[in-house]
Amino acid sequence: MDVTIPTSWKDINIDTYIKLVPVLETEQEDITRVINILCVLTGKKREEIKEIQLTDYHKLIKKMAFLFTEIPTKLESKRIKLDGNYYEFKLQAENLLFGEYINAMETLNSKNENVVIENLDKILASICRPVEKKFGKWKEKKMTSKLLQETVKKFRDKMSIADAYPLAVFFCNHSKELMTNIQTSLIAQAEKITKEVEMDLVNGAGGV
């Protein structure tokens, strides 16, 4: 049976990595681990993996060696190209949708060690926004619920973990800053709404 697998972290998308982490971290027999890894990397069932010839099995083991090396953590650029579209990394709490705010709070307050990995596509969609170049300048697209869902799906299916992981590391290192920014943004918005309501009341009273 001909089996093709990724040979570097560049070839692993976010969806595959999320499925791969529990396999790599769980204690198990070596042969069981290899079978489970191959199931994730190929999308094939255990019964199919067991049909691989022994000579091919040893070749696959060598190709899988990169899984036991560290993923690059250096953030090379704040703007990335993905599937023909551009996305720019920003920590701007005021641009979050309410649903993103809820997800960010749940993630930052969770005691689950793997919560960042499990929600990596959603986190990156919150801090890495779609942008387009107009008149020589990069401009962020207006985020809507529909665009957010499309971005999350594209990141999960298309973004390499080699590109995503440095952003995840940056997010973790600046999570306190993000939480502070979110709280500050909420207070500012609340004050703005309060002032607008007060002005409406004043104007309304003056018009009676």
C-alpha atoms as a PDB file:
ATOM      1  CA  MET A   1       0.000   0.000   0.000  1.00  0.00           C
ATOM      2  CA  ASP A   2       1.384   3.398  -1.037  1.00  0.00           C
ATOM      3  CA  VAL A   3       1.406   5.800   1.913  1.00  0.00           C
ATOM      4  CA  THR A   4       2.440   9.459   1.795  1.00  0.00           C
ATOM      5  CA  ILE A   5       3.048  11.423   4.994  1.00  0.00           C
ATOM      6  CA  PRO A   6       4.324  14.929   5.879  1.00  0.00           C
ATOM      7  CA  THR A   7       8.093  15.211   6.215  1.00  0.00           C
ATOM      8  CA  SER A   8       8.373  18.532   8.089  1.00  0.00           C
ATOM      9  CA  TRP A   9       6.382  20.802  10.396  1.00  0.00           C
ATOM     10  CA  LYS A  10       5.697  22.965   7.344  1.00  0.00           C
ATOM     11  CA  ASP A  11       3.544  20.128   6.002  1.00  0.00           C
ATOM     12  CA  ILE A  12       1.388  19.861   9.148  1.00  0.00           C
ATOM     13  CA  ASN A  13      -1.718  22.052   9.289  1.00  0.00           C
ATOM     14  CA  ILE A  14      -3.383  23.203  12.514  1.00  0.00           C
ATOM     15  CA  ASP A  15      -6.142  20.594  12.327  1.00  0.00           C
ATOM     16  CA  THR A  16      -3.634  17.743  12.065  1.00  0.00           C
ATOM     17  CA  TYR A  17      -1.486  19.183  14.849  1.00  0.00           C
ATOM     18  CA  ILE A  18      -4.446  19.446  17.237  1.00  0.00           C
ATOM     19  CA  LYS A  19      -5.172  15.756  16.622  1.00  0.00           C
ATOM     20  CA  LEU A  20      -1.498  14.854  16.858  1.00  0.00           C
ATOM     21  CA  VAL A  21      -0.684  16.429  20.241  1.00  0.00           C
ATOM     22  CA  PRO A  22      -2.644  13.920  22.403  1.00  0.00           C
ATOM     23  CA  VAL A  23      -0.981  11.025  20.556  1.00  0.00           C
ATOM     24  CA  LEU A  24       2.502  12.434  21.110  1.00  0.00           C
ATOM     25  CA  GLU A  25       1.866  13.241  24.775  1.00  0.00           C
ATOM     26  CA  THR A  26       0.073  10.053  25.855  1.00  0.00           C
ATOM     27  CA  GLU A  27       2.168   7.205  27.258  1.00  0.00           C
ATOM     28  CA  GLN A  28       1.860   4.104  25.081  1.00  0.00           C
ATOM     29  CA  GLU A  29       3.850   1.291  23.525  1.00  0.00           C
ATOM     30  CA  ASP A  30       6.163   2.400  20.714  1.00  0.00           C
ATOM     31  CA  ILE A  31       4.370   0.377  18.026  1.00  0.00           C
ATOM     32  CA  THR A  32       0.987   1.632  19.218  1.00  0.00           C
ATOM     33  CA  ARG A  33       2.238   5.216  19.135  1.00  0.00           C
ATOM     34  CA  VAL A  34       3.549   4.826  15.584  1.00  0.00           C
ATOM     35  CA  ILE A  35       0.263   3.341  14.393  1.00  0.00           C
ATOM     36  CA  ASN A  36      -1.722   6.144  16.022  1.00  0.00           C
ATOM     37  CA  ILE A  37       0.588   8.777  14.542  1.00  0.00           C
ATOM     38  CA  LEU A  38       0.226   7.277  11.084  1.00  0.00           C
ATOM     39  CA  CYS A  39      -3.559   7.239  11.479  1.00  0.00           C
ATOM     40  CA  VAL A  40      -3.490  10.980  12.155  1.00  0.00           C
ATOM     41  CA  LEU A  41      -0.986  11.823   9.412  1.00  0.00           C
ATOM     42  CA  THR A  42      -2.670   9.744   6.713  1.00  0.00           C
ATOM     43  CA  GLY A  43      -6.314   9.857   7.761  1.00  0.00           C
ATOM     44  CA  LYS A  44      -6.425   6.079   7.408  1.00  0.00           C
ATOM     45  CA  LYS A  45      -7.891   3.567   9.868  1.00  0.00           C
ATOM     46  CA  ARG A  46      -5.774   1.313  12.059  1.00  0.00           C
ATOM     47  CA  GLU A  47      -6.677  -1.753   9.982  1.00  0.00           C
ATOM     48  CA  GLU A  48      -5.334  -0.041   6.850  1.00  0.00           C
ATOM     49  CA  ILE A  49      -2.122   1.066   8.584  1.00  0.00           C
ATOM     50  CA  LYS A  50      -1.433  -2.504   9.677  1.00  0.00           C
ATOM     51  CA  GLU A  51      -1.385  -3.560   6.018  1.00  0.00           C
ATOM     52  CA  ILE A  52       1.728  -1.467   5.307  1.00  0.00           C
ATOM     53  CA  GLN A  53       4.704  -3.626   4.321  1.00  0.00           C
ATOM     54  CA  LEU A  54       7.518  -3.809   6.853  1.00  0.00           C
ATOM     55  CA  THR A  55      10.066  -2.253   4.457  1.00  0.00           C
ATOM     56  CA  ASP A  56       7.761   0.750   3.892  1.00  0.00           C
ATOM     57  CA  TYR A  57       7.099   0.952   7.609  1.00  0.00           C
ATOM     58  CA  HIS A  58      10.798   1.543   8.332  1.00  0.00           C
ATOM     59  CA  LYS A  59      10.928   4.251   5.651  1.00  0.00           C
ATOM     60  CA  LEU A  60       7.947   5.982   7.234  1.00  0.00           C
ATOM     61  CA  ILE A  61       9.618   5.886  10.640  1.00  0.00           C
ATOM     62  CA  LYS A  62      12.573   7.836   9.216  1.00  0.00           C
ATOM     63  CA  LYS A  63      10.246  10.393   7.606  1.00  0.00           C
ATOM     64  CA  MET A  64       8.456  10.889  10.936  1.00  0.00           C
ATOM     65  CA  ALA A  65      11.664  11.880  12.734  1.00  0.00           C
ATOM     66  CA  PHE A  66      10.809  15.586  12.490  1.00  0.00           C
ATOM     67  CA  LEU A  67       7.897  15.029  14.912  1.00  0.00           C
ATOM     68  CA  PHE A  68      10.424  14.681  17.713  1.00  0.00           C
ATOM     69  CA  THR A  69      12.157  17.978  16.940  1.00  0.00           C
ATOM     70  CA  GLU A  70      11.089  21.386  18.227  1.00  0.00           C
ATOM     71  CA  ILE A  71       8.736  23.522  16.183  1.00  0.00           C
ATOM     72  CA  PRO A  72      10.256  26.911  15.279  1.00  0.00           C
ATOM     73  CA  THR A  73       9.097  29.620  17.692  1.00  0.00           C
ATOM     74  CA  LYS A  74      10.587  32.728  16.075  1.00  0.00           C
ATOM     75  CA  LEU A  75       7.999  35.087  14.628  1.00  0.00           C
ATOM     76  CA  GLU A  76       9.445  35.857  11.198  1.00  0.00           C
ATOM     77  CA  SER A  77       6.773  38.309  10.035  1.00  0.00           C
ATOM     78  CA  LYS A  78       3.573  39.874  11.324  1.00  0.00           C
ATOM     79  CA  ARG A  79       1.967  39.511   7.914  1.00  0.00           C
ATOM     80  CA  ILE A  80       1.434  36.130   6.274  1.00  0.00           C
ATOM     81  CA  LYS A  81       0.012  34.950   2.972  1.00  0.00           C
ATOM     82  CA  LEU A  82      -2.386  32.027   3.092  1.00  0.00           C
ATOM     83  CA  ASP A  83      -4.319  30.545   0.199  1.00  0.00           C
ATOM     84  CA  GLY A  84      -4.053  33.776  -1.795  1.00  0.00           C
ATOM     85  CA  ASN A  85      -5.120  36.030   1.091  1.00  0.00           C
ATOM     86  CA  TYR A  86      -3.088  38.138   3.519  1.00  0.00           C
ATOM     87  CA  TYR A  87      -3.410  38.229   7.304  1.00  0.00           C
ATOM     88  CA  GLU A  88      -1.710  40.583   9.730  1.00  0.00           C
ATOM     89  CA  PHE A  89      -0.920  39.900  13.380  1.00  0.00           C
ATOM     90  CA  LYS A  90      -2.258  42.534  15.797  1.00  0.00           C
ATOM     91  CA  LEU A  91      -3.129  42.692  19.500  1.00  0.00           C
ATOM     92  CA  GLN A  92      -6.077  45.077  19.264  1.00  0.00           C
ATOM     93  CA  ALA A  93      -8.736  44.239  21.823  1.00  0.00           C
ATOM     94  CA  GLU A  94     -11.075  46.974  20.622  1.00  0.00           C
ATOM     95  CA  ASN A  95     -11.531  45.148  17.307  1.00  0.00           C
ATOM     96  CA  LEU A  96     -12.726  41.890  18.864  1.00  0.00           C
ATOM     97  CA  LEU A  97     -16.271  40.706  18.277  1.00  0.00           C
ATOM     98  CA  PHE A  98     -18.225  39.877  21.439  1.00  0.00           C
ATOM     99  CA  GLY A  99     -17.966  36.138  20.716  1.00  0.00           C
ATOM    100  CA  GLU A 100     -14.204  36.482  20.386  1.00  0.00           C
ATOM    101  CA  TYR A 101     -14.058  38.302  23.705  1.00  0.00           C
ATOM    102  CA  ILE A 102     -15.876  35.408  25.392  1.00  0.00           C
ATOM    103  CA  ASN A 103     -13.539  32.857  23.773  1.00  0.00           C
ATOM    104  CA  ALA A 104     -10.480  34.885  24.792  1.00  0.00           C
ATOM    105  CA  MET A 105     -11.630  35.103  28.411  1.00  0.00           C
ATOM    106  CA  GLU A 106     -12.398  31.369  28.574  1.00  0.00           C
ATOM    107  CA  THR A 107      -9.018  30.547  27.065  1.00  0.00           C
ATOM    108  CA  LEU A 108      -7.003  32.884  29.279  1.00  0.00           C
ATOM    109  CA  ASN A 109      -8.777  31.722  32.445  1.00  0.00           C
ATOM    110  CA  SER A 110      -8.787  27.998  31.668  1.00  0.00           C
ATOM    111  CA  LYS A 111      -6.803  25.555  33.794  1.00  0.00           C
ATOM    112  CA  ASN A 112      -6.516  23.149  30.862  1.00  0.00           C
ATOM    113  CA  GLU A 113      -2.851  23.102  29.776  1.00  0.00           C
ATOM    114  CA  ASN A 114      -3.764  22.273  26.169  1.00  0.00           C
ATOM    115  CA  VAL A 115      -6.535  24.852  25.811  1.00  0.00           C
ATOM    116  CA  VAL A 116      -4.390  27.082  23.590  1.00  0.00           C
ATOM    117  CA  ILE A 117      -3.599  24.191  21.233  1.00  0.00           C
ATOM    118  CA  GLU A 118      -7.209  22.996  21.155  1.00  0.00           C
ATOM    119  CA  ASN A 119      -8.409  26.506  20.258  1.00  0.00           C
ATOM    120  CA  LEU A 120      -5.446  27.558  18.157  1.00  0.00           C
ATOM    121  CA  ASP A 121      -7.501  28.298  15.027  1.00  0.00           C
ATOM    122  CA  LYS A 122      -9.919  30.543  16.960  1.00  0.00           C
ATOM    123  CA  ILE A 123      -7.128  32.329  18.835  1.00  0.00           C
ATOM    124  CA  LEU A 124      -5.191  33.070  15.663  1.00  0.00           C
ATOM    125  CA  ALA A 125      -8.340  34.341  13.935  1.00  0.00           C
ATOM    126  CA  SER A 126      -8.721  36.818  16.825  1.00  0.00           C
ATOM    127  CA  ILE A 127      -5.188  38.184  16.643  1.00  0.00           C
ATOM    128  CA  CYS A 128      -4.406  37.669  12.950  1.00  0.00           C
ATOM    129  CA  ARG A 129      -6.838  39.686  10.842  1.00  0.00           C
ATOM    130  CA  PRO A 130      -7.526  39.615   7.075  1.00  0.00           C
ATOM    131  CA  VAL A 131      -5.940  42.606   5.353  1.00  0.00           C
ATOM    132  CA  GLU A 132      -5.844  43.951   1.813  1.00  0.00           C
ATOM    133  CA  LYS A 133      -3.638  46.460   0.065  1.00  0.00           C
ATOM    134  CA  LYS A 134      -5.367  49.610  -1.164  1.00  0.00           C
ATOM    135  CA  PHE A 135      -3.573  52.573  -2.719  1.00  0.00           C
ATOM    136  CA  GLY A 136      -0.235  51.239  -1.525  1.00  0.00           C
ATOM    137  CA  LYS A 137      -1.330  50.772   2.098  1.00  0.00           C
ATOM    138  CA  TRP A 138      -2.417  47.705   4.034  1.00  0.00           C
ATOM    139  CA  LYS A 139      -5.911  47.996   5.477  1.00  0.00           C
ATOM    140  CA  GLU A 140      -7.713  45.593   7.793  1.00  0.00           C
ATOM    141  CA  LYS A 141     -10.976  44.178   6.469  1.00  0.00           C
ATOM    142  CA  LYS A 142     -14.071  44.765   8.566  1.00  0.00           C
ATOM    143  CA  MET A 143     -14.598  41.660  10.675  1.00  0.00           C
ATOM    144  CA  THR A 144     -18.039  40.052  10.660  1.00  0.00           C
ATOM    145  CA  SER A 145     -19.264  36.779  12.147  1.00  0.00           C
ATOM    146  CA  LYS A 146     -19.273  35.217   8.675  1.00  0.00           C
ATOM    147  CA  LEU A 147     -15.735  36.373   7.850  1.00  0.00           C
ATOM    148  CA  LEU A 148     -14.562  35.200  11.269  1.00  0.00           C
ATOM    149  CA  GLN A 149     -15.969  31.703  10.689  1.00  0.00           C
ATOM    150  CA  GLU A 150     -14.346  31.575   7.251  1.00  0.00           C
ATOM    151  CA  THR A 151     -11.018  32.713   8.709  1.00  0.00           C
ATOM    152  CA  VAL A 152     -11.114  30.144  11.523  1.00  0.00           C
ATOM    153  CA  LYS A 153     -11.822  27.339   9.040  1.00  0.00           C
ATOM    154  CA  LYS A 154      -9.113  28.501   6.636  1.00  0.00           C
ATOM    155  CA  PHE A 155      -6.553  28.694   9.439  1.00  0.00           C
ATOM    156  CA  ARG A 156      -7.461  25.217  10.703  1.00  0.00           C
ATOM    157  CA  ASP A 157      -7.329  23.605   7.260  1.00  0.00           C
ATOM    158  CA  LYS A 158      -4.637  25.625   5.494  1.00  0.00           C
ATOM    159  CA  MET A 159      -2.215  27.206   7.966  1.00  0.00           C
ATOM    160  CA  SER A 160       1.016  25.348   8.651  1.00  0.00           C
ATOM    161  CA  ILE A 161       1.833  24.758  12.303  1.00  0.00           C
ATOM    162  CA  ALA A 162       5.300  26.117  11.470  1.00  0.00           C
ATOM    163  CA  ASP A 163       3.595  29.482  10.831  1.00  0.00           C
ATOM    164  CA  ALA A 164       0.960  29.142  13.555  1.00  0.00           C
ATOM    165  CA  TYR A 165       3.158  28.041  16.449  1.00  0.00           C
ATOM    166  CA  PRO A 166       5.255  31.234  16.708  1.00  0.00           C
ATOM    167  CA  LEU A 167       2.004  33.215  16.843  1.00  0.00           C
ATOM    168  CA  ALA A 168       0.683  30.899  19.559  1.00  0.00           C
ATOM    169  CA  VAL A 169       3.874  31.386  21.575  1.00  0.00           C
ATOM    170  CA  PHE A 170       3.575  35.161  21.181  1.00  0.00           C
ATOM    171  CA  PHE A 171      -0.063  34.973  22.303  1.00  0.00           C
ATOM    172  CA  CYS A 172       0.861  33.020  25.427  1.00  0.00           C
ATOM    173  CA  ASN A 173       3.698  35.408  26.275  1.00  0.00           C
ATOM    174  CA  HIS A 174       1.407  38.424  25.893  1.00  0.00           C
ATOM    175  CA  SER A 175      -1.834  36.959  27.266  1.00  0.00           C
ATOM    176  CA  LYS A 176      -1.758  39.226  30.339  1.00  0.00           C
ATOM    177  CA  GLU A 177      -1.304  42.239  28.102  1.00  0.00           C
ATOM    178  CA  LEU A 178      -4.240  41.103  25.951  1.00  0.00           C
ATOM    179  CA  MET A 179      -6.470  40.622  28.985  1.00  0.00           C
ATOM    180  CA  THR A 180      -5.578  44.115  30.236  1.00  0.00           C
ATOM    181  CA  ASN A 181      -6.283  45.575  26.795  1.00  0.00           C
ATOM    182  CA  ILE A 182      -9.654  43.822  26.645  1.00  0.00           C
ATOM    183  CA  GLN A 183     -10.662  45.106  30.065  1.00  0.00           C
ATOM    184  CA  THR A 184      -9.499  48.632  29.207  1.00  0.00           C
ATOM    185  CA  SER A 185     -11.399  48.508  25.922  1.00  0.00           C
ATOM    186  CA  LEU A 186     -14.591  47.346  27.646  1.00  0.00           C
ATOM    187  CA  ILE A 187     -14.367  50.138  30.223  1.00  0.00           C
ATOM    188  CA  ALA A 188     -13.813  52.723  27.480  1.00  0.00           C
ATOM    189  CA  GLN A 189     -16.792  51.402  25.523  1.00  0.00           C
ATOM    190  CA  ALA A 190     -18.986  51.392  28.629  1.00  0.00           C
ATOM    191  CA  GLU A 191     -18.028  55.002  29.384  1.00  0.00           C
ATOM    192  CA  LYS A 192     -18.758  56.015  25.803  1.00  0.00           C
ATOM    193  CA  ILE A 193     -22.186  54.375  25.870  1.00  0.00           C
ATOM    194  CA  THR A 194     -22.959  55.994  29.235  1.00  0.00           C
ATOM    195  CA  LYS A 195     -22.089  59.446  27.886  1.00  0.00           C
ATOM    196  CA  GLU A 196     -24.202  58.860  24.752  1.00  0.00           C
ATOM    197  CA  VAL A 197     -27.178  57.835  26.891  1.00  0.00           C
ATOM    198  CA  GLU A 198     -26.709  60.885  29.133  1.00  0.00           C
ATOM    199  CA  MET A 199     -26.584  63.168  26.097  1.00  0.00           C
ATOM    200  CA  ASP A 200     -29.740  61.594  24.681  1.00  0.00           C
ATOM    201  CA  LEU A 201     -31.508  62.160  27.995  1.00  0.00           C
ATOM    202  CA  VAL A 202     -30.354  65.766  28.143  1.00  0.00           C
ATOM    203  CA  ASN A 203     -31.375  66.444  24.546  1.00  0.00           C
ATOM    204  CA  GLY A 204     -34.658  64.700  25.097  1.00  0.00           C
ATOM    205  CA  ALA A 205     -35.394  66.718  28.193  1.00  0.00           C
ATOM    206  CA  GLY A 206     -34.494  69.940  26.424  1.00  0.00           C
ATOM    207  CA  GLY A 207     -36.851  69.199  23.584  1.00  0.00           C
ATOM    208  CA  VAL A 208     -39.951  68.726  25.772  1.00  0.00           C
END
